[in-house]
C-alpha atoms as a PDB file:
ATOM      1  CA  MET A   1      55.073 116.834 205.379  1.00  0.00           C
ATOM      2  CA  ILE A   2      53.081 114.774 202.985  1.00  0.00           C
ATOM      3  CA  ASP A   3      54.975 112.429 200.611  1.00  0.00           C
ATOM      4  CA  LEU A   4      53.702 112.849 197.186  1.00  0.00           C
ATOM      5  CA  THR A   5      54.601 109.209 196.129  1.00  0.00           C
ATOM      6  CA  ARG A   6      52.009 107.997 198.959  1.00  0.00           C
ATOM      7  CA  LEU A   7      49.566 110.634 197.679  1.00  0.00           C
ATOM      8  CA  LYS A   8      49.638 109.481 194.117  1.00  0.00           C
ATOM      9  CA  ALA A   9      49.121 105.942 195.239  1.00  0.00           C
ATOM     10  CA  PHE A  10      46.054 107.154 197.225  1.00  0.00           C
ATOM     11  CA  ILE A  11      44.571 108.951 194.247  1.00  0.00           C
ATOM     12  CA  TYR A  12      44.865 105.719 192.038  1.00  0.00           C
ATOM     13  CA  ALA A  13      43.283 103.626 194.565  1.00  0.00           C
ATOM     14  CA  ALA A  14      40.696 106.028 195.495  1.00  0.00           C
ATOM     15  CA  GLU A  15      39.599 106.353 191.788  1.00  0.00           C
ATOM     16  CA  SER A  16      39.761 102.716 191.021  1.00  0.00           C
ATOM     17  CA  LEU A  17      38.594 101.558 194.501  1.00  0.00           C
ATOM     18  CA  SER A  18      41.346  98.601 194.169  1.00  0.00           C
ATOM     19  CA  PHE A  19      44.892  98.283 195.519  1.00  0.00           C
ATOM     20  CA  SER A  20      45.582  95.755 192.719  1.00  0.00           C
ATOM     21  CA  GLU A  21      44.253  98.096 189.984  1.00  0.00           C
ATOM     22  CA  ALA A  22      46.291 101.099 191.296  1.00  0.00           C
ATOM     23  CA  ALA A  23      49.351  98.885 191.581  1.00  0.00           C
ATOM     24  CA  ARG A  24      48.858  97.994 188.064  1.00  0.00           C
ATOM     25  CA  GLN A  25      48.626 101.572 186.861  1.00  0.00           C
ATOM     26  CA  LEU A  26      51.588 102.780 188.902  1.00  0.00           C
ATOM     27  CA  HIS A  27      53.785  99.611 188.040  1.00  0.00           C
ATOM     28  CA  LEU A  28      54.108  98.802 191.539  1.00  0.00           C
ATOM     29  CA  THR A  29      53.464  95.708 193.600  1.00  0.00           C
ATOM     30  CA  GLN A  30      50.324  95.605 195.382  1.00  0.00           C
ATOM     31  CA  PRO A  31      52.139  95.425 198.928  1.00  0.00           C
ATOM     32  CA  THR A  32      53.887  98.655 197.848  1.00  0.00           C
ATOM     33  CA  VAL A  33      50.581 100.330 197.279  1.00  0.00           C
ATOM     34  CA  SER A  34      49.252  98.961 200.549  1.00  0.00           C
ATOM     35  CA  HIS A  35      52.231 100.203 202.445  1.00  0.00           C
ATOM     36  CA  HIS A  36      52.122 103.733 200.901  1.00  0.00           C
ATOM     37  CA  ILE A  37      48.421 103.990 201.681  1.00  0.00           C
ATOM     38  CA  LYS A  38      48.998 102.901 205.213  1.00  0.00           C
ATOM     39  CA  ALA A  39      51.973 105.183 205.756  1.00  0.00           C
ATOM     40  CA  LEU A  40      49.753 108.114 204.483  1.00  0.00           C
ATOM     41  CA  GLU A  41      47.087 107.172 206.895  1.00  0.00           C
ATOM     42  CA  THR A  42      49.481 106.986 209.865  1.00  0.00           C
ATOM     43  CA  SER A  43      50.991 110.378 208.915  1.00  0.00           C
ATOM     44  CA  LEU A  44      47.614 112.069 208.766  1.00  0.00           C
ATOM     45  CA  GLY A  45      45.907 110.288 211.764  1.00  0.00           C
ATOM     46  CA  VAL A  46      43.164 108.996 209.728  1.00  0.00           C
ATOM     47  CA  GLU A  47      41.603 106.208 208.001  1.00  0.00           C
ATOM     48  CA  LEU A  48      41.082 106.675 204.161  1.00  0.00           C
ATOM     49  CA  PHE A  49      39.538 103.607 203.300  1.00  0.00           C
ATOM     50  CA  THR A  50      37.332 100.847 204.647  1.00  0.00           C
ATOM     51  CA  ARG A  51      37.959  97.511 203.673  1.00  0.00           C
ATOM     52  CA  THR A  52      35.109  94.851 203.947  1.00  0.00           C
ATOM     53  CA  GLY A  53      36.249  91.519 202.396  1.00  0.00           C
ATOM     54  CA  HIS A  54      37.158  92.419 198.662  1.00  0.00           C
ATOM     55  CA  THR A  55      35.283  95.773 198.919  1.00  0.00           C
ATOM     56  CA  LEU A  56      37.017  98.808 199.272  1.00  0.00           C
ATOM     57  CA  LYS A  57      35.380 102.240 200.143  1.00  0.00           C
ATOM     58  CA  LEU A  58      36.457 105.789 200.550  1.00  0.00           C
ATOM     59  CA  THR A  59      35.867 106.872 204.261  1.00  0.00           C
ATOM     60  CA  GLU A  60      34.708 110.649 204.762  1.00  0.00           C
ATOM     61  CA  ALA A  61      38.279 111.577 205.222  1.00  0.00           C
ATOM     62  CA  GLY A  62      39.219 109.924 201.920  1.00  0.00           C
ATOM     63  CA  ARG A  63      36.709 111.591 200.070  1.00  0.00           C
ATOM     64  CA  LEU A  64      37.683 115.073 201.653  1.00  0.00           C
ATOM     65  CA  LEU A  65      41.332 114.399 200.805  1.00  0.00           C
ATOM     66  CA  LEU A  66      40.715 113.182 197.008  1.00  0.00           C
ATOM     67  CA  PRO A  67      40.211 116.804 195.453  1.00  0.00           C
ATOM     68  CA  PHE A  68      43.206 118.287 197.446  1.00  0.00           C
ATOM     69  CA  ALA A  69      45.551 115.198 196.631  1.00  0.00           C
ATOM     70  CA  HIS A  70      44.796 115.975 192.841  1.00  0.00           C
ATOM     71  CA  LYS A  71      45.641 119.609 193.546  1.00  0.00           C
ATOM     72  CA  LEU A  72      48.837 119.045 195.317  1.00  0.00           C
ATOM     73  CA  ILE A  73      49.961 116.579 192.641  1.00  0.00           C
ATOM     74  CA  HIS A  74      49.419 119.152 189.847  1.00  0.00           C
ATOM     75  CA  GLN A  75      51.166 121.944 191.933  1.00  0.00           C
ATOM     76  CA  ALA A  76      54.135 119.693 192.422  1.00  0.00           C
ATOM     77  CA  SER A  77      54.295 118.824 188.675  1.00  0.00           C
ATOM     78  CA  GLU A  78      53.802 122.562 187.682  1.00  0.00           C
ATOM     79  CA  VAL A  79      56.719 123.487 189.846  1.00  0.00           C
ATOM     80  CA  GLN A  80      59.153 120.937 188.259  1.00  0.00           C
ATOM     81  CA  GLU A  81      57.779 121.956 184.884  1.00  0.00           C
ATOM     82  CA  MET A  82      58.468 125.687 185.626  1.00  0.00           C
ATOM     83  CA  MET A  83      61.698 125.008 186.925  1.00  0.00           C
ATOM     84  CA  ALA A  84      62.558 123.232 183.608  1.00  0.00           C
ATOM     85  CA  SER A  85      61.109 126.079 181.684  1.00  0.00           C
ATOM     86  CA  LEU A  86      63.932 128.278 183.126  1.00  0.00           C
ATOM     87  CA  GLN A  87      66.318 126.328 181.188  1.00  0.00           C
ATOM     88  CA  GLU A  88      64.959 127.685 178.021  1.00  0.00           C
ATOM     89  CA  LYS A  89      62.920 124.677 177.434  1.00  0.00           C
ATOM     90  CA  ILE A  90      58.985 124.973 177.606  1.00  0.00           C
ATOM     91  CA  VAL A  91      57.737 121.613 178.997  1.00  0.00           C
ATOM     92  CA  GLY A  92      54.697 120.665 180.814  1.00  0.00           C
ATOM     93  CA  HIS A  93      51.120 119.397 181.052  1.00  0.00           C
ATOM     94  CA  LEU A  94      48.337 121.815 180.177  1.00  0.00           C
ATOM     95  CA  ARG A  95      44.830 120.683 181.074  1.00  0.00           C
ATOM     96  CA  ILE A  96      41.993 122.907 179.148  1.00  0.00           C
ATOM     97  CA  ALA A  97      38.278 122.558 180.440  1.00  0.00           C
ATOM     98  CA  CYS A  98      35.861 123.144 177.499  1.00  0.00           C
ATOM     99  CA  SER A  99      32.043 123.418 177.970  1.00  0.00           C
ATOM    100  CA  THR A 100      31.025 124.684 174.477  1.00  0.00           C
ATOM    101  CA  THR A 101      30.342 122.588 171.422  1.00  0.00           C
ATOM    102  CA  ALA A 102      32.170 125.240 169.150  1.00  0.00           C
ATOM    103  CA  GLY A 103      35.122 124.818 171.162  1.00  0.00           C
ATOM    104  CA  LYS A 104      35.274 121.267 170.998  1.00  0.00           C
ATOM    105  CA  PHE A 105      35.571 121.460 167.279  1.00  0.00           C
ATOM    106  CA  ILE A 106      38.286 124.537 167.267  1.00  0.00           C
ATOM    107  CA  LEU A 107      40.279 123.487 170.651  1.00  0.00           C
ATOM    108  CA  PRO A 108      41.566 120.040 169.355  1.00  0.00           C
ATOM    109  CA  GLN A 109      42.847 121.313 166.166  1.00  0.00           C
ATOM    110  CA  LEU A 110      44.455 124.379 167.974  1.00  0.00           C
ATOM    111  CA  ALA A 111      46.014 122.222 170.533  1.00  0.00           C
ATOM    112  CA  ALA A 112      47.405 119.876 168.016  1.00  0.00           C
ATOM    113  CA  ARG A 113      49.045 122.685 166.118  1.00  0.00           C
ATOM    114  CA  PHE A 114      50.368 124.010 169.620  1.00  0.00           C
ATOM    115  CA  CYS A 115      51.923 120.716 170.516  1.00  0.00           C
ATOM    116  CA  ARG A 116      53.585 120.492 167.196  1.00  0.00           C
ATOM    117  CA  ARG A 117      55.169 123.954 167.956  1.00  0.00           C
ATOM    118  CA  PHE A 118      56.100 123.126 171.350  1.00  0.00           C
ATOM    119  CA  PRO A 119      56.724 119.250 171.699  1.00  0.00           C
ATOM    120  CA  GLY A 120      57.561 119.327 175.357  1.00  0.00           C
ATOM    121  CA  ILE A 121      54.210 120.417 176.342  1.00  0.00           C
ATOM    122  CA  LYS A 122      51.344 117.790 176.582  1.00  0.00           C
ATOM    123  CA  VAL A 123      47.726 119.104 176.173  1.00  0.00           C
ATOM    124  CA  SER A 124      44.606 117.524 177.769  1.00  0.00           C
ATOM    125  CA  ILE A 125      41.080 118.782 177.051  1.00  0.00           C
ATOM    126  CA  LEU A 126      38.630 118.131 179.821  1.00  0.00           C
ATOM    127  CA  ALA A 127      34.855 117.831 178.577  1.00  0.00           C
ATOM    128  CA  CYS A 128      32.656 119.250 181.224  1.00  0.00           C
ATOM    129  CA  THR A 129      29.374 120.848 181.625  1.00  0.00           C
ATOM    130  CA  PRO A 130      29.007 124.739 181.609  1.00  0.00           C
ATOM    131  CA  GLN A 131      28.170 124.644 185.308  1.00  0.00           C
ATOM    132  CA  HIS A 132      31.374 122.538 186.266  1.00  0.00           C
ATOM    133  CA  VAL A 133      33.963 124.297 183.864  1.00  0.00           C
ATOM    134  CA  ILE A 134      34.671 127.333 186.278  1.00  0.00           C
ATOM    135  CA  PRO A 135      35.085 125.372 189.548  1.00  0.00           C
ATOM    136  CA  GLN A 136      37.371 123.124 187.595  1.00  0.00           C
ATOM    137  CA  LEU A 137      39.495 126.210 186.839  1.00  0.00           C
ATOM    138  CA  LEU A 138      39.145 127.663 190.370  1.00  0.00           C
ATOM    139  CA  GLU A 139      40.118 124.245 192.093  1.00  0.00           C
ATOM    140  CA  GLY A 140      43.238 123.832 189.961  1.00  0.00           C
ATOM    141  CA  GLU A 141      41.971 120.768 187.872  1.00  0.00           C
ATOM    142  CA  ALA A 142      42.402 122.973 184.752  1.00  0.00           C
ATOM    143  CA  ASN A 143      44.900 125.745 183.742  1.00  0.00           C
ATOM    144  CA  LEU A 144      42.476 127.129 181.169  1.00  0.00           C
ATOM    145  CA  ALA A 145      38.760 127.084 180.358  1.00  0.00           C
ATOM    146  CA  VAL A 146      36.687 127.699 177.153  1.00  0.00           C
ATOM    147  CA  VAL A 147      33.425 129.180 177.979  1.00  0.00           C
ATOM    148  CA  SER A 148      30.543 131.027 175.888  1.00  0.00           C
ATOM    149  CA  SER A 149      29.463 133.661 178.480  1.00  0.00           C
ATOM    150  CA  TYR A 150      31.526 136.794 179.664  1.00  0.00           C
ATOM    151  CA  ASP A 151      29.268 136.653 182.937  1.00  0.00           C
ATOM    152  CA  LEU A 152      31.555 133.966 183.952  1.00  0.00           C
ATOM    153  CA  CYS A 153      34.640 136.284 183.717  1.00  0.00           C
ATOM    154  CA  ARG A 154      34.689 137.579 187.439  1.00  0.00           C
ATOM    155  CA  ASN A 155      36.126 136.676 190.851  1.00  0.00           C
ATOM    156  CA  GLY A 156      39.468 136.583 189.886  1.00  0.00           C
ATOM    157  CA  LEU A 157      39.211 135.380 186.465  1.00  0.00           C
ATOM    158  CA  GLU A 158      40.599 136.783 183.247  1.00  0.00           C
ATOM    159  CA  CYS A 159      39.099 136.350 179.897  1.00  0.00           C
ATOM    160  CA  GLN A 160      40.178 136.968 176.292  1.00  0.00           C
ATOM    161  CA  GLU A 161      38.029 136.512 173.317  1.00  0.00           C
ATOM    162  CA  PHE A 162      38.764 133.205 171.597  1.00  0.00           C
ATOM    163  CA  PHE A 163      36.799 133.112 168.410  1.00  0.00           C
ATOM    164  CA  ASN A 164      33.187 134.177 167.115  1.00  0.00           C
ATOM    165  CA  ASP A 165      30.691 131.184 166.646  1.00  0.00           C
ATOM    166  CA  ARG A 166      27.884 131.599 164.125  1.00  0.00           C
ATOM    167  CA  ILE A 167      24.634 129.797 164.811  1.00  0.00           C
ATOM    168  CA  THR A 168      22.214 128.698 162.110  1.00  0.00           C
ATOM    169  CA  LEU A 169      18.858 127.242 161.563  1.00  0.00           C
ATOM    170  CA  ILE A 170      19.076 123.848 160.045  1.00  0.00           C
ATOM    171  CA  VAL A 171      16.119 121.871 158.493  1.00  0.00           C
ATOM    172  CA  PRO A 172      15.852 118.484 156.790  1.00  0.00           C
ATOM    173  CA  ALA A 173      16.878 118.362 153.198  1.00  0.00           C
ATOM    174  CA  ASN A 174      13.551 117.820 151.879  1.00  0.00           C
ATOM    175  CA  HIS A 175      11.958 120.711 153.875  1.00  0.00           C
ATOM    176  CA  PRO A 176       9.832 123.145 152.011  1.00  0.00           C
ATOM    177  CA  TRP A 177      11.961 126.110 153.572  1.00  0.00           C
ATOM    178  CA  THR A 178      15.019 124.938 151.552  1.00  0.00           C
ATOM    179  CA  ILE A 179      13.561 126.606 148.429  1.00  0.00           C
ATOM    180  CA  ARG A 180      13.192 130.085 150.160  1.00  0.00           C
ATOM    181  CA  HIS A 181      15.811 132.840 150.404  1.00  0.00           C
ATOM    182  CA  SER A 182      14.841 133.132 154.089  1.00  0.00           C
ATOM    183  CA  VAL A 183      12.128 132.810 156.664  1.00  0.00           C
ATOM    184  CA  GLU A 184      10.533 135.120 159.131  1.00  0.00           C
ATOM    185  CA  PRO A 185      10.836 134.694 162.792  1.00  0.00           C
ATOM    186  CA  ALA A 186       7.056 134.367 162.812  1.00  0.00           C
ATOM    187  CA  ASP A 187       7.480 131.184 160.614  1.00  0.00           C
ATOM    188  CA  LEU A 188       9.129 129.449 163.493  1.00  0.00           C
ATOM    189  CA  LEU A 189       6.104 129.284 165.746  1.00  0.00           C
ATOM    190  CA  GLU A 190       4.254 126.550 164.067  1.00  0.00           C
ATOM    191  CA  GLU A 191       7.304 124.307 163.160  1.00  0.00           C
ATOM    192  CA  PRO A 192       8.260 121.386 165.567  1.00  0.00           C
ATOM    193  CA  MET A 193      11.520 122.445 166.920  1.00  0.00           C
ATOM    194  CA  ILE A 194      14.240 120.690 168.718  1.00  0.00           C
ATOM    195  CA  ILE A 195      16.427 123.037 171.189  1.00  0.00           C
ATOM    196  CA  ARG A 196      19.466 122.806 173.454  1.00  0.00           C
ATOM    197  CA  GLU A 197      19.309 122.435 177.124  1.00  0.00           C
ATOM    198  CA  PRO A 198      18.801 125.351 179.444  1.00  0.00           C
ATOM    199  CA  THR A 199      22.557 125.932 180.088  1.00  0.00           C
ATOM    200  CA  SER A 200      23.568 126.106 176.455  1.00  0.00           C
ATOM    201  CA  GLY A 201      25.026 129.109 175.116  1.00  0.00           C
ATOM    202  CA  THR A 202      23.368 128.463 171.717  1.00  0.00           C
ATOM    203  CA  ARG A 203      20.046 128.578 173.419  1.00  0.00           C
ATOM    204  CA  ARG A 204      20.643 131.730 175.252  1.00  0.00           C
ATOM    205  CA  VAL A 205      21.618 133.568 172.154  1.00  0.00           C
ATOM    206  CA  LEU A 206      18.594 132.262 170.393  1.00  0.00           C
ATOM    207  CA  LEU A 207      16.131 133.126 172.903  1.00  0.00           C
ATOM    208  CA  THR A 208      17.690 136.677 173.287  1.00  0.00           C
ATOM    209  CA  GLU A 209      17.193 137.375 169.612  1.00  0.00           C
ATOM    210  CA  LEU A 210      13.674 136.188 169.265  1.00  0.00           C
ATOM    211  CA  ALA A 211      12.816 138.159 172.421  1.00  0.00           C
ATOM    212  CA  GLY A 212      13.668 141.075 170.200  1.00  0.00           C
ATOM    213  CA  HIS A 213      10.936 140.103 167.968  1.00  0.00           C
ATOM    214  CA  GLY A 214       8.254 139.452 170.673  1.00  0.00           C
ATOM    215  CA  ILE A 215       8.886 135.664 170.641  1.00  0.00           C
ATOM    216  CA  THR A 216       9.367 133.560 173.867  1.00  0.00           C
ATOM    217  CA  TYR A 217      10.089 130.174 174.688  1.00  0.00           C
ATOM    218  CA  ASP A 218       6.571 129.349 175.382  1.00  0.00           C
ATOM    219  CA  ASP A 219       5.458 130.481 171.985  1.00  0.00           C
ATOM    220  CA  LEU A 220       7.620 128.022 170.146  1.00  0.00           C
ATOM    221  CA  ASP A 221       6.493 124.535 169.171  1.00  0.00           C
ATOM    222  CA  ILE A 222       9.378 123.039 171.081  1.00  0.00           C
ATOM    223  CA  TYR A 223       9.035 119.233 171.457  1.00  0.00           C
ATOM    224  CA  LEU A 224      12.444 117.893 172.262  1.00  0.00           C
ATOM    225  CA  GLU A 225      15.481 119.145 174.147  1.00  0.00           C
ATOM    226  CA  LEU A 226      18.874 117.496 173.694  1.00  0.00           C
ATOM    227  CA  GLY A 227      22.173 118.285 175.450  1.00  0.00           C
ATOM    228  CA  ASN A 228      24.325 117.299 172.284  1.00  0.00           C
ATOM    229  CA  ALA A 229      24.400 119.437 169.341  1.00  0.00           C
ATOM    230  CA  GLU A 230      25.733 116.542 167.287  1.00  0.00           C
ATOM    231  CA  ALA A 231      22.634 114.482 168.047  1.00  0.00           C
ATOM    232  CA  ILE A 232      20.388 117.541 167.361  1.00  0.00           C
ATOM    233  CA  VAL A 233      22.011 117.472 163.930  1.00  0.00           C
ATOM    234  CA  ARG A 234      21.291 113.714 163.260  1.00  0.00           C
ATOM    235  CA  THR A 235      17.681 114.019 164.367  1.00  0.00           C
ATOM    236  CA  VAL A 236      17.169 117.028 162.163  1.00  0.00           C
ATOM    237  CA  GLU A 237      18.699 114.927 159.363  1.00  0.00           C
ATOM    238  CA  ALA A 238      16.304 112.120 159.952  1.00  0.00           C
ATOM    239  CA  GLY A 239      13.462 114.531 159.329  1.00  0.00           C
ATOM    240  CA  PHE A 240      12.300 115.388 162.784  1.00  0.00           C
ATOM    241  CA  GLY A 241      11.888 118.911 163.141  1.00  0.00           C
ATOM    242  CA  VAL A 242      14.130 122.050 162.903  1.00  0.00           C
ATOM    243  CA  SER A 243      16.756 123.334 165.251  1.00  0.00           C
ATOM    244  CA  PHE A 244      19.328 126.062 165.859  1.00  0.00           C
ATOM    245  CA  VAL A 245      23.036 124.874 166.213  1.00  0.00           C
ATOM    246  CA  SER A 246      26.532 126.140 165.887  1.00  0.00           C
ATOM    247  CA  THR A 247      27.644 126.083 162.147  1.00  0.00           C
ATOM    248  CA  LEU A 248      30.654 124.029 163.359  1.00  0.00           C
ATOM    249  CA  ALA A 249      28.297 121.359 164.713  1.00  0.00           C
ATOM    250  CA  ALA A 250      26.304 121.043 161.326  1.00  0.00           C
ATOM    251  CA  ASP A 251      29.258 121.666 158.836  1.00  0.00           C
ATOM    252  CA  TRP A 252      29.467 117.776 158.012  1.00  0.00           C
ATOM    253  CA  ALA A 253      25.703 117.239 157.329  1.00  0.00           C
ATOM    254  CA  LEU A 254      25.567 120.734 155.483  1.00  0.00           C
ATOM    255  CA  LYS A 255      28.447 119.599 153.250  1.00  0.00           C
ATOM    256  CA  LEU A 256      26.800 116.126 152.503  1.00  0.00           C
ATOM    257  CA  GLY A 257      23.629 117.775 151.737  1.00  0.00           C
ATOM    258  CA  ASN A 258      21.602 115.920 154.435  1.00  0.00           C
ATOM    259  CA  VAL A 259      20.354 119.188 156.156  1.00  0.00           C
ATOM    260  CA  GLU A 260      20.166 122.726 154.718  1.00  0.00           C
ATOM    261  CA  SER A 261      20.870 126.001 156.411  1.00  0.00           C
ATOM    262  CA  VAL A 262      18.081 128.477 156.071  1.00  0.00           C
ATOM    263  CA  PRO A 263      18.564 132.223 157.008  1.00  0.00           C
ATOM    264  CA  VAL A 264      16.078 133.952 159.475  1.00  0.00           C
ATOM    265  CA  ALA A 265      15.146 137.373 158.644  1.00  0.00           C
ATOM    266  CA  GLY A 266      16.146 139.902 161.385  1.00  0.00           C
ATOM    267  CA  LEU A 267      18.236 137.391 163.698  1.00  0.00           C
ATOM    268  CA  ASP A 268      21.894 138.146 164.347  1.00  0.00           C
ATOM    269  CA  LEU A 269      22.878 134.787 165.622  1.00  0.00           C
ATOM    270  CA  GLN A 270      26.421 134.579 166.965  1.00  0.00           C
ATOM    271  CA  ARG A 271      28.291 134.462 170.049  1.00  0.00           C
ATOM    272  CA  THR A 272      31.760 135.189 171.281  1.00  0.00           C
ATOM    273  CA  VAL A 273      33.776 132.200 172.860  1.00  0.00           C
ATOM    274  CA  TYR A 274      36.178 133.104 175.477  1.00  0.00           C
ATOM    275  CA  MET A 275      39.279 131.556 176.838  1.00  0.00           C
ATOM    276  CA  VAL A 276      39.582 132.030 180.703  1.00  0.00           C
ATOM    277  CA  ARG A 277      42.422 131.674 183.275  1.00  0.00           C
ATOM    278  CA  ARG A 278      42.852 132.660 186.846  1.00  0.00           C
ATOM    279  CA  SER A 279      44.308 136.007 186.971  1.00  0.00           C
ATOM    280  CA  LEU A 280      45.928 136.082 190.441  1.00  0.00           C
ATOM    281  CA  GLU A 281      47.931 132.590 190.265  1.00  0.00           C
ATOM    282  CA  THR A 282      51.779 132.246 189.855  1.00  0.00           C
ATOM    283  CA  ALA A 283      52.863 132.082 186.215  1.00  0.00           C
ATOM    284  CA  TYR A 284      52.707 128.801 184.863  1.00  0.00           C
ATOM    285  CA  ARG A 285      54.750 128.856 181.477  1.00  0.00           C
ATOM    286  CA  PRO A 286      52.720 126.431 179.370  1.00  0.00           C
ATOM    287  CA  GLN A 287      49.505 128.324 180.327  1.00  0.00           C
ATOM    288  CA  GLU A 288      51.252 131.586 179.341  1.00  0.00           C
ATOM    289  CA  VAL A 289      52.474 130.395 175.984  1.00  0.00           C
ATOM    290  CA  PHE A 290      49.233 129.036 175.099  1.00  0.00           C
ATOM    291  CA  TRP A 291      47.398 131.968 175.992  1.00  0.00           C
ATOM    292  CA  SER A 292      49.537 133.905 173.621  1.00  0.00           C
ATOM    293  CA  PHE A 293      49.439 131.318 170.702  1.00  0.00           C
ATOM    294  CA  ILE A 294      45.852 131.424 170.319  1.00  0.00           C
ATOM    295  CA  HIS A 295      45.702 134.410 168.256  1.00  0.00           C
ATOM    296  CA  HIS A 296      49.324 133.934 166.235  1.00  0.00           C
ATOM    297  CA  PRO A 297      48.783 134.785 162.728  1.00  0.00           C
ATOM    298  CA  SER A 298      49.231 131.206 161.763  1.00  0.00           C
ATOM    299  CA  ASN A 299      46.019 130.409 163.471  1.00  0.00           C
ATOM    300  CA  THR A 300      43.664 132.687 161.680  1.00  0.00           C
ATOM    301  CA  ASP A 301      42.270 130.203 159.300  1.00  0.00           C
ATOM    302  CA  LEU A 302      41.165 127.941 162.073  1.00  0.00           C
ATOM    303  CA  LEU A 303      39.623 130.914 164.205  1.00  0.00           C
ATOM    304  CA  ARG A 304      37.775 132.019 161.135  1.00  0.00           C
ATOM    305  CA  LEU A 305      36.177 128.571 160.560  1.00  0.00           C
ATOM    306  CA  ALA A 306      33.280 129.093 163.362  1.00  0.00           C
ATOM    307  CA  GLY A 307      32.320 132.601 161.921  1.00  0.00           C
ATOM    308  CA  LYS A 308      31.525 131.235 158.502  1.00  0.00           C
END
């Protein structure tokens, strides 16, 4: 039987590569942490660290153990929280992985409302890339995930619509297009453009819509790719080209008049953002409550922000 106290000491030591730092974070003495690690190594029959002078490194066994150690600690915590929930108190720690720019604007406010409604639940929002969000969910590092593609909702995953995100063309405040009611898709061909990275949902929606007008990625004058919507807005604000971003990401600059939104005729630039959970796992009360809380009538105003 693996002792969870020893396992927690291993996690802190593995992530800091320092027994003294692990001791500080756990409010223990360094000899106590060293004892926990040694006892864990003895019970498992392997060395978890190599010690060379003052340098601490994980062994292959240590690297293999670390993700499983995180999962065991999470599961043990969830068991305790589930038992407490049976006593009419909803308590626990909810971890939500979020890979979409739009989600990063809506989700924190929704989580804050949720925590106010259920003060016994702590929420952590884990920022991650689109290719890592589902592995975090499947490996138990996250209880829920926010994604911008329904294609990810398979292999034992369940999705529900979270909100609709509208994407807009933004241009510098002094751009000639600001005096026009709209531009044609063909007008985009000669304009220096900034675009999101290949894994971005915004980019996927844009290129799909443009394909309907016979325009491909190679037809556009794309000179810069950025993996951050806020950085794109700042770059457009400074006068370096035009771009398509979530209205949520551009909202502050639009309100200040630093950039302008220009409609593009014939383009329906919106996408659905989804909340995802594992469908075949043991029920975890905080997750279930948040899953239902998303579309509570009191949150309608928040979910409509993205679609404006």
